[in-house]
Protein backbone atom coordinates (compact mmCIF):
# COMPACT_ATOMS: atom_id res chain seq x y z
CA MET A 1 -9.42 -32.39 56.03
CA GLU A 2 -7.76 -31.74 59.36
CA ILE A 3 -4.06 -32.24 59.94
CA LYS A 4 -3.61 -34.00 63.26
CA LYS A 5 -0.74 -33.00 65.53
CA VAL A 6 0.95 -36.14 66.84
CA ASN A 7 3.03 -36.59 69.98
CA PHE A 8 4.21 -39.50 72.09
CA MET A 9 0.84 -39.74 73.88
CA ASN A 10 -1.42 -40.06 70.81
CA TYR A 11 1.01 -41.58 68.29
CA GLY A 12 -0.25 -45.15 68.71
CA ASP A 13 -3.90 -44.29 68.16
CA GLU A 14 -3.38 -41.73 65.42
CA VAL A 15 -0.63 -43.42 63.40
CA LEU A 16 -0.14 -47.08 64.24
CA LYS A 17 -3.84 -47.93 64.54
CA SER A 18 -5.03 -45.77 61.63
CA GLU A 19 -7.24 -47.54 59.12
CA LYS A 20 -6.09 -45.10 56.44
CA PRO A 21 -2.52 -44.71 55.19
CA VAL A 22 -0.76 -41.97 57.17
CA LEU A 23 1.43 -39.21 55.82
CA LEU A 24 3.56 -38.22 58.83
CA ASP A 25 5.38 -34.90 58.54
CA PHE A 26 8.36 -34.45 60.88
CA TYR A 27 9.00 -30.71 61.35
CA ALA A 28 10.10 -27.93 63.71
CA ASP A 29 8.62 -24.46 64.16
CA TRP A 30 11.99 -22.78 63.49
CA CYS A 31 12.57 -24.66 60.21
CA GLY A 32 11.99 -22.50 57.11
CA PRO A 33 11.71 -25.40 54.63
CA CYS A 34 9.26 -27.07 57.04
CA GLN A 35 7.04 -23.99 56.95
CA MET A 36 7.04 -23.98 53.15
CA LEU A 37 6.21 -27.70 53.04
CA SER A 38 3.43 -27.15 55.57
CA ALA A 39 1.32 -25.26 53.01
CA GLU A 40 1.76 -28.05 50.46
CA ILE A 41 0.91 -30.72 53.04
CA LEU A 42 -2.25 -28.80 53.96
CA ALA A 43 -3.27 -28.52 50.30
CA PHE A 44 -2.69 -32.28 49.91
CA ALA A 45 -4.77 -33.04 53.02
CA GLU A 46 -7.67 -30.90 51.81
CA GLU A 47 -7.91 -32.79 48.52
CA ASN A 48 -7.02 -36.35 49.55
CA SER A 49 -9.45 -37.73 52.12
CA GLY A 50 -8.15 -41.26 51.60
CA TYR A 51 -5.07 -40.40 53.64
CA LYS A 52 -4.64 -39.32 57.23
CA VAL A 53 -2.17 -36.45 57.49
CA CYS A 54 -0.27 -35.92 60.74
CA ARG A 55 2.51 -33.60 61.86
CA LEU A 56 5.09 -34.32 64.53
CA ASN A 57 7.23 -31.55 66.04
CA VAL A 58 10.72 -33.04 66.51
CA ASP A 59 11.52 -30.57 69.30
CA GLU A 60 8.50 -31.73 71.31
CA SER A 61 8.66 -35.44 70.45
CA GLY A 62 12.33 -36.14 69.91
CA GLU A 63 11.98 -39.76 71.03
CA LEU A 64 9.67 -40.54 68.10
CA ALA A 65 11.97 -38.72 65.69
CA GLN A 66 14.82 -40.84 67.03
CA ILE A 67 12.84 -44.07 66.60
CA TYR A 68 12.32 -43.16 62.93
CA GLY A 69 15.95 -42.14 62.52
CA ILE A 70 15.08 -38.61 61.45
CA LEU A 71 18.35 -36.84 60.64
CA SER A 72 17.01 -33.92 58.63
CA ILE A 73 13.76 -31.99 58.48
CA PRO A 74 11.35 -31.76 56.90
CA THR A 75 10.99 -35.50 56.49
CA VAL A 76 7.68 -37.04 55.44
CA VAL A 77 7.04 -40.73 56.11
CA LEU A 78 4.27 -42.78 54.49
CA ILE A 79 2.89 -45.38 56.91
CA LYS A 80 0.46 -48.18 56.06
CA ASN A 81 -0.84 -50.66 58.60
CA GLY A 82 1.53 -49.26 61.22
CA ARG A 83 4.65 -49.77 59.08
CA GLU A 84 6.81 -47.35 57.15
CA VAL A 85 6.45 -47.76 53.41
CA ASP A 86 8.65 -44.93 52.17
CA ARG A 87 9.88 -41.43 53.00
CA PHE A 88 11.19 -38.27 51.44
CA VAL A 89 13.34 -35.49 52.83
CA GLY A 90 13.00 -31.82 51.92
CA GLY A 91 10.37 -29.66 50.35
CA ARG A 92 7.89 -30.82 47.73
CA GLU A 93 4.93 -29.36 45.90
CA LYS A 94 1.45 -30.81 46.35
CA SER A 95 1.63 -32.60 43.00
CA ASP A 96 4.93 -34.24 44.04
CA ILE A 97 3.34 -35.41 47.30
CA GLU A 98 0.41 -36.88 45.36
CA ASP A 99 2.84 -38.71 43.05
CA PHE A 100 4.75 -39.99 46.08
CA VAL A 101 1.69 -41.56 47.76
CA ARG A 102 0.20 -42.88 44.53
CA ALA A 103 3.45 -44.70 43.76
CA HIS A 104 2.63 -46.87 46.80
CA GLU A 105 -1.04 -47.63 46.18
């Protein structure tokens, strides 16, 4: 499954209007922990087609990061029906990400 890059222009269509729950990864290219989490997010996306996985670069879309109150990266937000359900901050393994989303099914 593809990971969709989200910015201010496509955020509404990709995240708020998504029929699937969205796992939204807030990251920056310079962030080492974000790069490590990226591989785990990709592995999750490849095996979990019931979720839409998106990434948002906080340096390119700071206004959206501010709306979500992102203070530290990586931060991953679970969104269902356009609303935040839960979030975690920091690195995780794929199995931890699966546990995180399944806790909210």
